[in-house]
């Protein structure tokens, strides 16, 4: 086997591109939100979506939603879809899921965190800093929630 053929069979996982796919900031109760004393209740949700673009390239989208409410009033709502295209070739099937479900969101998270903080600041609210996320635990929880497929027999 030539050196080129051996390199072609080597597992590869690389970031091709990281980009903001969608972003939204809403402050539906402004300017009243700026003249009241409030202690917001903040709800954060995270989701990941993986889509195969071809045999070796995958788009991974990390969606972050942050909603700050006081009583029944929404002070602000931030939604960010931070995405990336990842090359994954010659990766064993049992390793591909964790790479795309854990490794890719870990690469995207700092960009999403910075964007959420910047958007809340631009809305003249205190910067909101997302706390670190354990994507490994999230991936394990999602895997456990999916029904197991029975093995096919021939």
N, C-alpha and C. Protein backbone atom coordinates (compact mmCIF):
# COMPACT_ATOMS: atom_id res chain seq x y z
N UNK A 1 0.86 -1.18 0.00
CA UNK A 1 0.00 0.00 0.00
C UNK A 1 0.90 1.23 0.00
N UNK A 2 0.65 2.14 -0.93
CA UNK A 2 1.46 3.35 -1.02
C UNK A 2 1.13 4.29 0.14
N UNK A 3 2.02 5.24 0.36
CA UNK A 3 1.82 6.20 1.46
C UNK A 3 0.57 7.04 1.22
N UNK A 4 0.30 7.39 -0.04
CA UNK A 4 -0.89 8.18 -0.38
C UNK A 4 -2.15 7.38 -0.08
N UNK A 5 -2.18 6.09 -0.46
CA UNK A 5 -3.35 5.27 -0.18
C UNK A 5 -3.56 5.11 1.32
N UNK A 6 -2.46 4.97 2.06
CA UNK A 6 -2.58 4.82 3.51
C UNK A 6 -3.14 6.09 4.12
N UNK A 7 -2.69 7.28 3.64
CA UNK A 7 -3.20 8.54 4.15
C UNK A 7 -4.67 8.71 3.79
N UNK A 8 -5.09 8.22 2.62
CA UNK A 8 -6.48 8.31 2.21
C UNK A 8 -7.40 7.51 3.11
N UNK A 9 -6.87 6.47 3.77
CA UNK A 9 -7.66 5.63 4.65
C UNK A 9 -7.59 6.06 6.11
N UNK A 10 -6.78 7.07 6.40
CA UNK A 10 -6.64 7.57 7.78
C UNK A 10 -7.94 8.27 8.20
N UNK A 11 -8.38 8.06 9.43
CA UNK A 11 -9.55 8.81 9.91
C UNK A 11 -9.23 10.31 9.94
N UNK A 12 -10.19 11.11 9.49
CA UNK A 12 -10.03 12.56 9.50
C UNK A 12 -11.30 13.20 10.06
N UNK A 13 -11.10 14.15 10.97
CA UNK A 13 -12.20 14.95 11.49
C UNK A 13 -11.68 16.38 11.54
N UNK A 14 -12.31 17.27 10.78
CA UNK A 14 -11.81 18.64 10.70
C UNK A 14 -12.97 19.62 10.53
N UNK A 15 -12.75 20.83 11.05
CA UNK A 15 -13.71 21.91 10.87
C UNK A 15 -13.45 22.51 9.49
N UNK A 16 -14.49 22.55 8.66
CA UNK A 16 -14.37 23.19 7.35
C UNK A 16 -14.78 24.66 7.42
N UNK A 17 -15.82 24.93 8.23
CA UNK A 17 -16.33 26.30 8.33
C UNK A 17 -17.21 26.40 9.57
N UNK A 18 -17.14 27.55 10.25
CA UNK A 18 -18.05 27.86 11.36
C UNK A 18 -18.74 29.17 11.01
N UNK A 19 -20.07 29.19 11.15
CA UNK A 19 -20.81 30.37 10.73
C UNK A 19 -22.10 30.51 11.56
N UNK A 20 -22.62 31.73 11.57
CA UNK A 20 -23.90 31.99 12.21
C UNK A 20 -24.98 31.74 11.15
N UNK A 21 -25.86 30.81 11.43
CA UNK A 21 -26.91 30.45 10.47
C UNK A 21 -28.14 31.33 10.65
N UNK A 22 -28.49 31.64 11.91
CA UNK A 22 -29.67 32.46 12.19
C UNK A 22 -29.48 33.10 13.55
N UNK A 23 -29.97 34.32 13.69
CA UNK A 23 -29.87 35.02 14.96
C UNK A 23 -31.09 35.92 15.12
N UNK A 24 -31.59 36.01 16.37
CA UNK A 24 -32.76 36.82 16.65
C UNK A 24 -32.65 37.40 18.05
N UNK A 25 -32.99 38.67 18.19
CA UNK A 25 -33.08 39.30 19.50
C UNK A 25 -34.40 40.06 19.54
N UNK A 26 -35.18 39.80 20.58
CA UNK A 26 -36.46 40.50 20.75
C UNK A 26 -36.53 41.06 22.16
N UNK A 27 -37.03 42.27 22.27
CA UNK A 27 -37.32 42.89 23.56
C UNK A 27 -38.73 43.45 23.48
N UNK A 28 -39.73 42.55 23.58
CA UNK A 28 -41.11 42.95 23.29
C UNK A 28 -41.72 43.93 24.29
N UNK A 29 -41.15 44.05 25.47
CA UNK A 29 -41.73 44.96 26.47
C UNK A 29 -40.85 46.18 26.71
N UNK A 30 -40.08 46.55 25.71
CA UNK A 30 -39.32 47.79 25.85
C UNK A 30 -40.20 48.93 25.35
N UNK A 31 -40.11 50.09 25.88
CA UNK A 31 -39.14 50.57 26.84
C UNK A 31 -39.52 50.32 28.30
N UNK A 32 -40.71 49.77 28.56
CA UNK A 32 -41.12 49.55 29.95
C UNK A 32 -40.12 48.68 30.71
N UNK A 33 -39.47 47.76 30.01
CA UNK A 33 -38.50 46.87 30.67
C UNK A 33 -37.31 47.64 31.22
N UNK A 34 -37.05 48.82 30.68
CA UNK A 34 -35.88 49.58 31.10
C UNK A 34 -36.16 50.52 32.28
N UNK A 35 -37.42 50.74 32.61
CA UNK A 35 -37.73 51.70 33.67
C UNK A 35 -38.29 51.04 34.92
N UNK A 36 -38.31 49.71 34.92
CA UNK A 36 -38.81 48.98 36.08
C UNK A 36 -37.67 48.24 36.76
N UNK A 37 -37.83 48.04 38.05
CA UNK A 37 -36.92 47.15 38.76
C UNK A 37 -37.45 45.74 38.57
N UNK A 38 -36.59 44.84 38.16
CA UNK A 38 -37.03 43.47 37.94
C UNK A 38 -35.91 42.50 38.23
N UNK A 39 -36.32 41.34 38.60
CA UNK A 39 -35.40 40.23 38.79
C UNK A 39 -35.86 39.13 37.84
N UNK A 40 -35.14 38.98 36.73
CA UNK A 40 -35.64 38.06 35.71
C UNK A 40 -35.44 36.59 36.06
N UNK A 41 -36.36 35.81 35.56
CA UNK A 41 -36.20 34.36 35.56
C UNK A 41 -35.68 34.03 34.16
N UNK A 42 -34.56 33.36 34.09
CA UNK A 42 -33.94 33.10 32.79
C UNK A 42 -34.02 31.62 32.47
N UNK A 43 -34.54 31.33 31.28
CA UNK A 43 -34.63 29.95 30.80
C UNK A 43 -33.72 29.80 29.59
N UNK A 44 -32.90 28.76 29.62
CA UNK A 44 -31.97 28.49 28.54
C UNK A 44 -32.28 27.11 27.97
N UNK A 45 -32.32 27.02 26.65
CA UNK A 45 -32.47 25.71 26.03
C UNK A 45 -31.42 25.56 24.93
N UNK A 46 -30.93 24.34 24.80
CA UNK A 46 -29.91 24.00 23.80
C UNK A 46 -30.38 22.81 23.00
N UNK A 47 -30.12 22.83 21.72
CA UNK A 47 -30.42 21.69 20.86
C UNK A 47 -29.33 21.59 19.81
N UNK A 48 -29.07 20.38 19.36
CA UNK A 48 -28.16 20.20 18.24
C UNK A 48 -28.89 19.42 17.14
N UNK A 49 -28.52 19.75 15.93
CA UNK A 49 -29.07 19.06 14.77
C UNK A 49 -27.91 18.72 13.85
N UNK A 50 -27.91 17.51 13.33
CA UNK A 50 -26.84 17.04 12.45
C UNK A 50 -27.46 16.64 11.12
N UNK A 51 -26.87 17.12 10.04
CA UNK A 51 -27.36 16.77 8.70
C UNK A 51 -26.17 16.40 7.83
N UNK A 52 -26.24 15.23 7.21
CA UNK A 52 -25.20 14.82 6.27
C UNK A 52 -25.36 15.64 4.99
N UNK A 53 -24.27 16.27 4.55
CA UNK A 53 -24.27 17.03 3.31
C UNK A 53 -23.87 16.15 2.13
N UNK A 54 -22.97 15.24 2.39
CA UNK A 54 -22.54 14.22 1.43
C UNK A 54 -21.91 13.09 2.24
N UNK A 55 -21.08 12.28 1.62
CA UNK A 55 -20.53 11.11 2.32
C UNK A 55 -19.55 11.48 3.43
N UNK A 56 -18.92 12.66 3.34
CA UNK A 56 -17.89 13.00 4.34
C UNK A 56 -18.12 14.33 5.04
N UNK A 57 -19.08 15.12 4.60
CA UNK A 57 -19.30 16.44 5.20
C UNK A 57 -20.65 16.49 5.89
N UNK A 58 -20.64 17.09 7.08
CA UNK A 58 -21.84 17.18 7.91
C UNK A 58 -22.01 18.61 8.39
N UNK A 59 -23.27 19.07 8.38
CA UNK A 59 -23.57 20.35 9.01
C UNK A 59 -24.11 20.04 10.40
N UNK A 60 -23.51 20.69 11.39
CA UNK A 60 -23.98 20.58 12.77
C UNK A 60 -24.45 21.97 13.18
N UNK A 61 -25.68 22.05 13.68
CA UNK A 61 -26.26 23.33 14.11
C UNK A 61 -26.55 23.25 15.60
N UNK A 62 -25.96 24.17 16.34
CA UNK A 62 -26.22 24.32 17.77
C UNK A 62 -27.19 25.48 17.93
N UNK A 63 -28.39 25.19 18.43
CA UNK A 63 -29.40 26.24 18.64
C UNK A 63 -29.46 26.55 20.13
N UNK A 64 -29.30 27.83 20.45
CA UNK A 64 -29.35 28.30 21.83
C UNK A 64 -30.48 29.32 21.93
N UNK A 65 -31.37 29.12 22.89
CA UNK A 65 -32.45 30.08 23.16
C UNK A 65 -32.33 30.52 24.61
N UNK A 66 -32.38 31.83 24.81
CA UNK A 66 -32.33 32.40 26.16
C UNK A 66 -33.51 33.35 26.28
N UNK A 67 -34.36 33.09 27.28
CA UNK A 67 -35.52 33.95 27.51
C UNK A 67 -35.45 34.47 28.94
N UNK A 68 -35.53 35.79 29.06
CA UNK A 68 -35.57 36.44 30.38
C UNK A 68 -36.98 36.96 30.59
N UNK A 69 -37.62 36.51 31.68
CA UNK A 69 -38.99 36.93 31.98
C UNK A 69 -39.05 37.48 33.40
N UNK A 70 -39.96 38.42 33.57
CA UNK A 70 -40.31 38.92 34.89
C UNK A 70 -41.82 38.81 35.00
N UNK A 71 -42.27 37.97 35.92
CA UNK A 71 -43.69 37.64 36.03
C UNK A 71 -44.14 37.10 34.67
N UNK A 72 -45.12 37.71 34.02
CA UNK A 72 -45.57 37.21 32.73
C UNK A 72 -45.00 38.00 31.56
N UNK A 73 -44.07 38.90 31.82
CA UNK A 73 -43.52 39.76 30.78
C UNK A 73 -42.16 39.26 30.31
N UNK A 74 -42.01 39.14 29.01
CA UNK A 74 -40.72 38.77 28.44
C UNK A 74 -39.88 40.03 28.33
N UNK A 75 -38.71 40.01 28.98
CA UNK A 75 -37.80 41.15 28.89
C UNK A 75 -36.99 41.05 27.61
N UNK A 76 -36.46 39.85 27.35
CA UNK A 76 -35.78 39.63 26.08
C UNK A 76 -35.79 38.15 25.74
N UNK A 77 -35.66 37.91 24.45
CA UNK A 77 -35.57 36.56 23.92
C UNK A 77 -34.45 36.57 22.88
N UNK A 78 -33.46 35.73 23.09
CA UNK A 78 -32.34 35.61 22.16
C UNK A 78 -32.35 34.19 21.61
N UNK A 79 -32.25 34.08 20.29
CA UNK A 79 -32.13 32.78 19.66
C UNK A 79 -30.96 32.84 18.68
N UNK A 80 -30.06 31.88 18.83
CA UNK A 80 -28.86 31.82 18.00
C UNK A 80 -28.75 30.42 17.43
N UNK A 81 -28.51 30.33 16.13
CA UNK A 81 -28.16 29.07 15.50
C UNK A 81 -26.74 29.21 15.00
N UNK A 82 -25.82 28.59 15.73
CA UNK A 82 -24.41 28.60 15.36
C UNK A 82 -24.13 27.28 14.66
N UNK A 83 -23.57 27.33 13.48
CA UNK A 83 -23.42 26.13 12.68
C UNK A 83 -21.98 25.94 12.22
N UNK A 84 -21.72 24.73 11.79
CA UNK A 84 -20.42 24.42 11.24
C UNK A 84 -20.53 23.29 10.25
N UNK A 85 -19.59 23.27 9.32
CA UNK A 85 -19.46 22.14 8.41
C UNK A 85 -18.21 21.39 8.85
N UNK A 86 -18.40 20.10 9.09
CA UNK A 86 -17.33 19.26 9.60
C UNK A 86 -17.05 18.12 8.63
N UNK A 87 -15.77 17.92 8.34
CA UNK A 87 -15.33 16.80 7.52
C UNK A 87 -15.12 15.61 8.44
N UNK A 88 -15.73 14.50 8.11
CA UNK A 88 -15.55 13.27 8.89
C UNK A 88 -15.42 12.12 7.89
N UNK A 89 -14.20 11.72 7.63
CA UNK A 89 -13.99 10.62 6.68
C UNK A 89 -13.23 9.49 7.34
N UNK A 90 -13.57 8.29 6.94
CA UNK A 90 -12.95 7.07 7.46
C UNK A 90 -13.09 6.95 8.98
N UNK A 91 -14.18 7.45 9.51
CA UNK A 91 -14.45 7.38 10.94
C UNK A 91 -15.34 6.16 11.17
N UNK A 92 -14.96 5.26 12.07
CA UNK A 92 -15.84 4.12 12.35
C UNK A 92 -17.21 4.60 12.82
N UNK A 93 -18.24 3.88 12.42
CA UNK A 93 -19.63 4.27 12.70
C UNK A 93 -19.88 4.54 14.18
N UNK A 94 -19.28 3.73 15.06
CA UNK A 94 -19.51 3.90 16.49
C UNK A 94 -18.83 5.16 17.05
N UNK A 95 -17.91 5.76 16.29
CA UNK A 95 -17.23 6.98 16.73
C UNK A 95 -17.79 8.24 16.07
N UNK A 96 -18.50 8.06 14.95
CA UNK A 96 -19.01 9.21 14.21
C UNK A 96 -20.06 9.99 15.02
N UNK A 97 -20.99 9.28 15.64
CA UNK A 97 -22.03 9.94 16.44
C UNK A 97 -21.45 10.82 17.54
N UNK A 98 -20.54 10.27 18.37
CA UNK A 98 -19.95 11.12 19.40
C UNK A 98 -19.14 12.30 18.86
N UNK A 99 -18.43 12.11 17.75
CA UNK A 99 -17.67 13.23 17.19
C UNK A 99 -18.61 14.36 16.77
N UNK A 100 -19.71 14.00 16.10
CA UNK A 100 -20.64 15.02 15.63
C UNK A 100 -21.57 15.52 16.73
N UNK A 101 -21.88 14.67 17.71
CA UNK A 101 -22.81 15.04 18.77
C UNK A 101 -22.15 15.65 20.00
N UNK A 102 -20.84 15.47 20.13
CA UNK A 102 -20.12 16.03 21.29
C UNK A 102 -19.02 16.99 20.83
N UNK A 103 -18.14 16.49 19.96
CA UNK A 103 -17.00 17.29 19.51
C UNK A 103 -17.42 18.54 18.75
N UNK A 104 -18.35 18.38 17.81
CA UNK A 104 -18.77 19.53 17.00
C UNK A 104 -19.48 20.60 17.84
N UNK A 105 -20.46 20.23 18.70
CA UNK A 105 -21.07 21.28 19.54
C UNK A 105 -20.07 21.96 20.47
N UNK A 106 -19.07 21.22 20.95
CA UNK A 106 -18.03 21.83 21.78
C UNK A 106 -17.26 22.89 21.00
N UNK A 107 -17.04 22.66 19.70
CA UNK A 107 -16.35 23.64 18.86
C UNK A 107 -17.24 24.86 18.59
N UNK A 108 -18.55 24.65 18.47
CA UNK A 108 -19.48 25.73 18.14
C UNK A 108 -19.85 26.58 19.35
N UNK A 109 -19.84 25.99 20.53
CA UNK A 109 -20.36 26.65 21.74
C UNK A 109 -19.71 28.01 22.03
N UNK A 110 -18.39 28.15 21.97
CA UNK A 110 -17.82 29.48 22.30
C UNK A 110 -18.34 30.59 21.39
N UNK A 111 -18.59 30.28 20.13
CA UNK A 111 -19.12 31.29 19.20
C UNK A 111 -20.55 31.67 19.58
N UNK A 112 -21.36 30.68 19.90
CA UNK A 112 -22.75 30.94 20.31
C UNK A 112 -22.77 31.73 21.62
N UNK A 113 -21.90 31.36 22.55
CA UNK A 113 -21.83 32.05 23.85
C UNK A 113 -21.50 33.53 23.66
N UNK A 114 -20.52 33.81 22.82
CA UNK A 114 -20.13 35.19 22.57
C UNK A 114 -21.26 35.98 21.91
N UNK A 115 -21.96 35.37 20.98
CA UNK A 115 -23.04 36.04 20.28
C UNK A 115 -24.21 36.35 21.21
N UNK A 116 -24.57 35.41 22.09
CA UNK A 116 -25.64 35.66 23.06
C UNK A 116 -25.27 36.83 23.97
N UNK A 117 -24.04 36.84 24.45
CA UNK A 117 -23.59 37.93 25.32
C UNK A 117 -23.63 39.27 24.59
N UNK A 118 -23.16 39.29 23.35
CA UNK A 118 -23.15 40.52 22.58
C UNK A 118 -24.57 41.04 22.31
N UNK A 119 -25.48 40.14 21.99
CA UNK A 119 -26.85 40.55 21.70
C UNK A 119 -27.55 41.12 22.92
N UNK A 120 -27.37 40.50 24.08
CA UNK A 120 -28.01 41.04 25.29
C UNK A 120 -27.41 42.40 25.64
N UNK A 121 -26.12 42.56 25.43
CA UNK A 121 -25.47 43.84 25.70
C UNK A 121 -25.98 44.91 24.74
N UNK A 122 -26.10 44.58 23.48
CA UNK A 122 -26.60 45.54 22.48
C UNK A 122 -28.06 45.93 22.76
N UNK A 123 -28.80 45.03 23.43
CA UNK A 123 -30.16 45.35 23.83
C UNK A 123 -30.20 46.17 25.10
N UNK A 124 -29.05 46.56 25.61
CA UNK A 124 -28.80 47.34 26.83
C UNK A 124 -29.20 46.59 28.10
N UNK A 125 -29.19 45.27 28.03
CA UNK A 125 -29.35 44.45 29.22
C UNK A 125 -27.95 44.03 29.67
N UNK A 126 -27.87 43.49 30.87
CA UNK A 126 -26.59 42.97 31.33
C UNK A 126 -26.17 41.82 30.41
N UNK A 127 -24.87 41.71 30.12
CA UNK A 127 -24.46 40.60 29.27
C UNK A 127 -24.82 39.27 29.91
N UNK A 128 -25.37 38.37 29.13
CA UNK A 128 -25.71 37.05 29.64
C UNK A 128 -24.63 36.08 29.17
N UNK A 129 -23.95 35.46 30.11
CA UNK A 129 -22.90 34.50 29.78
C UNK A 129 -23.41 33.09 30.02
N UNK A 130 -23.48 32.34 28.94
CA UNK A 130 -23.88 30.93 29.06
C UNK A 130 -22.85 30.19 29.88
N UNK A 131 -23.32 29.36 30.77
CA UNK A 131 -22.43 28.53 31.57
C UNK A 131 -21.91 27.38 30.70
N UNK A 132 -20.74 26.84 31.02
CA UNK A 132 -20.23 25.71 30.25
C UNK A 132 -21.25 24.58 30.19
N UNK A 133 -21.24 23.86 29.08
CA UNK A 133 -22.21 22.79 28.84
C UNK A 133 -21.47 21.47 28.69
N UNK A 134 -22.00 20.44 29.30
CA UNK A 134 -21.45 19.10 29.17
C UNK A 134 -22.16 18.40 28.01
N UNK A 135 -21.61 18.56 26.81
CA UNK A 135 -22.25 17.97 25.63
C UNK A 135 -22.18 16.45 25.65
N UNK A 136 -21.21 15.91 26.35
CA UNK A 136 -21.13 14.45 26.47
C UNK A 136 -22.35 13.92 27.23
N UNK A 137 -22.73 14.59 28.31
CA UNK A 137 -23.91 14.17 29.07
C UNK A 137 -25.18 14.37 28.24
N UNK A 138 -25.27 15.48 27.51
CA UNK A 138 -26.43 15.72 26.66
C UNK A 138 -26.55 14.63 25.59
N UNK A 139 -25.42 14.26 24.99
CA UNK A 139 -25.42 13.23 23.95
C UNK A 139 -25.86 11.89 24.54
N UNK A 140 -25.34 11.56 25.71
CA UNK A 140 -25.72 10.30 26.36
C UNK A 140 -27.21 10.29 26.70
N UNK A 141 -27.73 11.42 27.15
CA UNK A 141 -29.15 11.52 27.50
C UNK A 141 -30.01 11.36 26.24
N UNK A 142 -29.62 11.99 25.14
CA UNK A 142 -30.36 11.86 23.89
C UNK A 142 -30.31 10.43 23.37
N UNK A 143 -29.14 9.81 23.47
CA UNK A 143 -28.99 8.43 23.00
C UNK A 143 -29.86 7.48 23.82
N UNK A 144 -29.94 7.72 25.12
CA UNK A 144 -30.75 6.87 26.00
C UNK A 144 -32.24 7.07 25.74
N UNK A 145 -32.62 8.27 25.30
CA UNK A 145 -34.04 8.56 25.07
C UNK A 145 -34.54 7.98 23.75
N UNK A 146 -33.63 7.71 22.82
CA UNK A 146 -34.04 7.15 21.53
C UNK A 146 -34.36 5.68 21.69
N UNK A 147 -35.48 5.24 21.12
CA UNK A 147 -35.81 3.81 21.23
C UNK A 147 -34.77 2.97 20.48
N UNK A 148 -34.41 1.88 21.10
CA UNK A 148 -33.43 0.98 20.49
C UNK A 148 -34.07 0.26 19.31
N UNK A 149 -33.37 0.24 18.20
CA UNK A 149 -33.86 -0.45 17.02
C UNK A 149 -33.51 -1.94 17.14
N UNK A 150 -34.46 -2.83 16.90
CA UNK A 150 -34.13 -4.25 16.95
C UNK A 150 -33.15 -4.59 15.85
N UNK A 151 -32.24 -5.49 16.13
CA UNK A 151 -31.25 -5.89 15.15
C UNK A 151 -31.95 -6.63 14.01
N UNK A 152 -31.51 -6.34 12.79
CA UNK A 152 -32.11 -7.00 11.64
C UNK A 152 -31.53 -8.40 11.50
N UNK A 153 -32.36 -9.34 11.15
CA UNK A 153 -31.88 -10.70 10.90
C UNK A 153 -32.19 -11.04 9.47
N UNK A 154 -31.30 -11.77 8.89
CA UNK A 154 -31.50 -12.19 7.49
C UNK A 154 -31.54 -13.68 7.41
